Amino acid sequence: MRVILSLIFAYALCTGYCFSQSKKEEIIDEIWEYSGGKKNWNDSRFLSFTCQANFGDNTQLNEHLWDRSTGDYRFETMLPDKKQLVVLFNINTQKGTAYINRHRVTGDDAKKYLDAAYKAFVHDTFWLLAPLELENTPTSLQDPEMLDGKLYQVIHARFSKKNAPVTDLWLYVNPETGKISQWKVQPPSKKGFRLFKSQHYKDLGGGLRLATVKTGEDNNCSISYPVASVLLSVEPDKLVKP
């Protein structure tokens, strides 16, 4: 009798797990469909975008150019002293060169700017591209939650990149469309949660569609992408010269 009960219990657990996995995969497929599909993303070699992060009275504007095929990357920003920083590096090796006002930086300062550019890559791509990286990220299906009078499916994901801390993310997905309407983020510090509306979806090119604005629930912070485009080609010098 105990053997039979154990088998029944094991079957029930397996059935519940398999259903959860199947439902999760179905929701992720819906996200893909709403976002334009895997093929469009896989075919998007060159990505150019500007990330504007507003936290209270502080604003940071970063410009990015990424060759997803090679990992080569161009990062540009303005330093507090109004000097222009350009970092040319490879996201896979995390090696490259840094320039201030077109003059090459060396020594410890170069490493500092390379590290800062890589951190900006991790942060700024997360807020734009997280929905496209779910299949390469540990995910789980959570209980549905009500949002604006509608029941949303919730996917939890744990994002971690090389030499970067883990960030936990909950995506609120409209089950009828696959559109993500809200993000809940727990920062690496694990202190509290932040809710963000996922808004202003746009076609980046080739049918790839993503939200270009994330607005905090208190409207005191936002992360937006005034420029976000898939490019067919780029000038070769862009990734090797400041």
Protein backbone atom coordinates (compact mmCIF):
# COMPACT_ATOMS: atom_id res chain seq x y z
CA MET A 1 0.00 0.00 0.00
CA ARG A 2 2.84 2.36 0.87
CA VAL A 3 4.45 1.70 -2.49
CA ILE A 4 1.20 2.54 -4.29
CA LEU A 5 0.75 5.76 -2.30
CA SER A 6 4.36 6.74 -3.00
CA LEU A 7 3.86 6.16 -6.72
CA ILE A 8 0.65 8.22 -6.69
CA PHE A 9 2.40 11.04 -4.83
CA ALA A 10 5.37 10.96 -7.21
CA TYR A 11 3.02 10.98 -10.22
CA ALA A 12 1.13 13.97 -8.81
CA LEU A 13 4.37 15.88 -8.26
CA CYS A 14 5.60 15.07 -11.75
CA THR A 15 2.28 16.05 -13.32
CA GLY A 16 2.25 19.39 -11.49
CA TYR A 17 5.85 20.11 -12.42
CA CYS A 18 5.34 19.17 -16.07
CA PHE A 19 2.23 21.35 -16.28
CA SER A 20 4.12 24.27 -14.74
CA GLN A 21 7.01 23.82 -17.19
CA SER A 22 4.65 23.53 -20.15
CA LYS A 23 2.71 26.63 -19.10
CA LYS A 24 5.91 28.59 -18.53
CA GLU A 25 7.21 27.68 -21.98
CA GLU A 26 3.87 28.66 -23.49
CA ILE A 27 4.05 32.10 -21.87
CA ILE A 28 7.66 32.61 -22.97
CA ASP A 29 6.61 31.69 -26.52
CA GLU A 30 3.86 34.33 -26.30
CA ILE A 31 6.45 36.91 -25.19
CA TRP A 32 8.59 35.96 -28.18
CA GLU A 33 5.65 36.31 -30.55
CA TYR A 34 4.72 39.74 -29.21
CA SER A 35 8.36 40.86 -29.36
CA GLY A 36 8.74 39.89 -33.00
CA GLY A 37 10.04 36.33 -32.82
CA LYS A 38 13.33 34.52 -32.25
CA LYS A 39 14.38 34.70 -35.88
CA ASN A 40 14.16 38.48 -35.95
CA TRP A 41 16.26 38.66 -32.78
CA ASN A 42 18.82 36.14 -34.05
CA ASP A 43 19.09 38.08 -37.30
CA SER A 44 19.64 41.39 -35.48
CA ARG A 45 23.42 41.66 -35.60
CA PHE A 46 24.02 45.36 -34.98
CA LEU A 47 22.16 47.11 -32.17
CA SER A 48 22.40 50.84 -31.49
CA PHE A 49 20.69 52.44 -28.51
CA THR A 50 20.84 55.32 -26.07
CA CYS A 51 19.90 54.70 -22.45
CA GLN A 52 18.71 57.59 -20.29
CA ALA A 53 18.41 56.75 -16.59
CA ASN A 54 16.64 59.27 -14.37
CA PHE A 55 16.83 58.81 -10.59
CA GLY A 56 15.46 61.81 -8.76
CA ASP A 57 17.55 64.80 -9.82
CA ASN A 58 20.28 62.64 -11.36
CA THR A 59 20.35 61.78 -15.06
CA GLN A 60 22.78 59.51 -16.87
CA LEU A 61 22.90 59.26 -20.66
CA ASN A 62 24.84 56.40 -22.27
CA GLU A 63 25.24 55.58 -25.96
CA HIS A 64 25.81 51.99 -27.12
CA LEU A 65 26.73 50.22 -30.34
CA TRP A 66 26.94 46.42 -30.26
CA ASP A 67 28.04 43.84 -32.81
CA ARG A 68 26.25 40.81 -31.40
CA SER A 69 28.11 38.47 -33.75
CA THR A 70 31.62 39.35 -32.54
CA GLY A 71 30.88 40.89 -29.14
CA ASP A 72 32.62 44.11 -30.16
CA TYR A 73 31.18 47.13 -28.41
CA ARG A 74 31.32 50.93 -28.41
CA PHE A 75 30.27 52.79 -25.27
CA GLU A 76 30.04 56.57 -25.03
CA THR A 77 29.07 58.89 -22.21
CA MET A 78 29.80 62.32 -20.79
CA LEU A 79 31.85 62.44 -17.59
CA PRO A 80 30.93 64.79 -14.72
CA ASP A 81 33.64 67.22 -15.87
CA LYS A 82 31.94 67.37 -19.32
CA LYS A 83 34.67 65.37 -21.03
CA GLN A 84 33.64 62.68 -23.50
CA LEU A 85 34.44 59.07 -22.62
CA VAL A 86 34.59 56.44 -25.37
CA VAL A 87 35.34 52.81 -24.54
CA LEU A 88 35.93 50.25 -27.29
CA PHE A 89 35.93 46.70 -25.96
CA ASN A 90 34.66 43.17 -26.39
CA ILE A 91 31.94 42.02 -24.02
CA ASN A 92 33.22 38.42 -24.09
CA THR A 93 36.84 39.15 -23.22
CA GLN A 94 36.15 42.44 -21.40
CA LYS A 95 39.33 43.79 -22.96
CA GLY A 96 39.64 47.02 -24.89
CA THR A 97 40.73 50.65 -24.85
CA ALA A 98 39.36 53.82 -23.28
CA TYR A 99 39.58 57.37 -24.58
CA ILE A 100 38.81 60.77 -23.06
CA ASN A 101 38.28 63.50 -25.63
CA ARG A 102 39.86 61.09 -28.17
CA HIS A 103 43.06 60.70 -26.12
CA ARG A 104 43.84 57.16 -25.05
CA VAL A 105 43.75 56.44 -21.32
CA THR A 106 46.32 54.07 -19.82
CA GLY A 107 47.09 52.28 -16.56
CA ASP A 108 44.60 51.97 -13.72
CA ASP A 109 42.35 54.65 -15.19
CA ALA A 110 41.91 52.58 -18.35
CA LYS A 111 40.84 49.55 -16.30
CA LYS A 112 38.45 51.71 -14.30
CA TYR A 113 36.73 52.95 -17.44
CA LEU A 114 36.63 49.48 -19.00
CA ASP A 115 34.94 48.14 -15.88
CA ALA A 116 32.47 51.03 -15.90
CA ALA A 117 31.65 50.44 -19.58
CA TYR A 118 31.01 46.74 -18.98
CA LYS A 119 28.75 47.52 -16.01
CA ALA A 120 26.83 49.98 -18.20
CA PHE A 121 26.47 47.27 -20.86
CA VAL A 122 25.03 44.85 -18.28
CA HIS A 123 22.68 47.45 -16.78
CA ASP A 124 21.47 49.13 -19.96
CA THR A 125 20.93 45.93 -21.98
CA PHE A 126 19.05 44.39 -19.04
CA TRP A 127 16.42 47.12 -19.01
CA LEU A 128 15.92 46.91 -22.76
CA LEU A 129 16.50 43.26 -23.68
CA ALA A 130 15.61 41.12 -20.65
CA PRO A 131 12.43 39.69 -22.28
CA LEU A 132 14.57 38.31 -25.13
CA GLU A 133 16.99 36.51 -22.79
CA LEU A 134 14.55 34.33 -20.85
CA GLU A 135 15.52 31.09 -22.57
CA ASN A 136 19.13 31.50 -21.44
CA THR A 137 18.12 32.44 -17.89
CA PRO A 138 16.79 30.38 -14.94
CA THR A 139 13.02 30.99 -14.92
CA SER A 140 9.96 29.79 -13.03
CA LEU A 141 6.21 30.27 -13.32
CA GLN A 142 4.67 32.16 -10.39
CA ASP A 143 1.05 32.41 -9.28
CA PRO A 144 -1.03 34.77 -11.47
CA GLU A 145 -1.60 38.28 -10.07
CA MET A 146 -4.19 40.98 -10.66
CA LEU A 147 -2.98 44.14 -12.39
CA ASP A 148 -5.34 46.94 -13.42
CA GLY A 149 -8.33 44.63 -13.06
CA LYS A 150 -6.84 41.89 -15.25
CA LEU A 151 -5.23 38.60 -14.28
CA TYR A 152 -1.61 38.47 -15.45
CA GLN A 153 0.76 35.54 -15.71
CA VAL A 154 4.02 36.10 -13.82
CA ILE A 155 7.44 34.81 -14.86
CA HIS A 156 10.34 35.00 -12.41
CA ALA A 157 13.86 35.15 -13.86
CA ARG A 158 17.33 35.37 -12.32
CA PHE A 159 19.72 37.35 -14.47
CA SER A 160 23.46 36.99 -14.09
CA LYS A 161 26.24 37.94 -16.48
CA LYS A 162 29.97 37.38 -16.23
CA ASN A 163 31.49 39.44 -13.40
CA ALA A 164 28.09 40.94 -12.57
CA PRO A 165 25.75 40.37 -9.59
CA VAL A 166 22.46 38.49 -9.83
CA THR A 167 19.27 40.49 -10.40
CA ASP A 168 15.82 38.98 -9.79
CA LEU A 169 13.04 40.02 -12.14
CA TRP A 170 9.30 39.29 -12.26
CA LEU A 171 7.56 39.96 -15.57
CA TYR A 172 3.79 40.52 -15.66
CA VAL A 173 2.53 39.11 -18.94
CA ASN A 174 -0.88 39.66 -20.53
CA PRO A 175 -1.95 36.07 -21.32
CA GLU A 176 -4.04 37.22 -24.28
CA THR A 177 -1.26 39.06 -26.11
CA GLY A 178 2.13 38.19 -24.59
CA LYS A 179 2.73 41.87 -23.86
CA ILE A 180 4.68 42.64 -20.69
CA SER A 181 3.01 45.47 -18.78
CA GLN A 182 4.99 45.56 -15.54
CA TRP A 183 8.39 44.63 -14.15
CA LYS A 184 9.12 43.90 -10.49
CA VAL A 185 12.83 44.09 -9.78
CA GLN A 186 14.84 43.05 -6.75
CA PRO A 187 18.31 44.60 -6.96
CA PRO A 188 21.49 42.64 -6.18
CA SER A 189 21.44 44.07 -2.64
CA LYS A 190 18.19 42.07 -2.07
CA LYS A 191 16.75 45.10 -0.27
CA GLY A 192 13.12 45.54 -1.26
CA PHE A 193 11.43 45.53 -4.64
CA ARG A 194 10.78 48.18 -7.27
CA LEU A 195 7.81 48.18 -9.63
CA PHE A 196 8.12 49.62 -13.13
CA LYS A 197 5.53 50.10 -15.85
CA SER A 198 6.73 48.73 -19.17
CA GLN A 199 5.65 51.25 -21.81
CA HIS A 200 6.18 52.80 -25.24
CA TYR A 201 6.73 49.69 -27.30
CA LYS A 202 8.38 50.39 -30.64
CA ASP A 203 9.67 48.50 -33.64
CA LEU A 204 13.46 48.57 -33.48
CA GLY A 205 13.71 47.27 -37.04
CA GLY A 206 12.86 44.06 -38.82
CA GLY A 207 9.77 43.57 -36.69
CA LEU A 208 11.62 43.43 -33.35
CA ARG A 209 9.37 45.13 -30.78
CA LEU A 210 10.40 46.16 -27.26
CA ALA A 211 9.33 48.56 -24.52
CA THR A 212 11.53 51.65 -24.59
CA VAL A 213 10.40 53.21 -21.30
CA LYS A 214 10.32 51.76 -17.78
CA THR A 215 8.70 54.10 -15.26
CA GLY A 216 8.92 53.59 -11.49
CA GLU A 217 5.69 53.36 -9.53
CA ASP A 218 6.49 56.61 -7.68
CA ASN A 219 7.43 58.36 -10.95
CA ASN A 220 10.69 59.35 -9.26
CA CYS A 221 12.79 57.17 -11.53
CA SER A 222 12.68 56.00 -15.11
CA ILE A 223 14.85 54.27 -17.67
CA SER A 224 14.18 55.15 -21.28
CA TYR A 225 15.66 54.52 -24.70
CA PRO A 226 15.10 57.58 -26.91
CA VAL A 227 17.16 55.80 -29.56
CA ALA A 228 16.92 52.05 -30.10
CA SER A 229 17.48 50.55 -33.53
CA VAL A 230 18.60 47.40 -35.28
CA LEU A 231 21.11 48.36 -37.98
CA LEU A 232 21.84 46.45 -41.16
CA SER A 233 25.47 47.55 -41.07
CA VAL A 234 27.85 49.95 -39.33
CA GLU A 235 30.97 51.81 -40.38
CA PRO A 236 33.91 49.51 -39.46
CA ASP A 237 35.78 52.37 -37.77
CA LYS A 238 32.95 52.84 -35.26
CA LEU A 239 34.04 49.78 -33.30
CA VAL A 240 37.80 50.35 -33.48
CA LYS A 241 38.34 54.12 -33.46
CA PRO A 242 37.13 56.76 -30.98
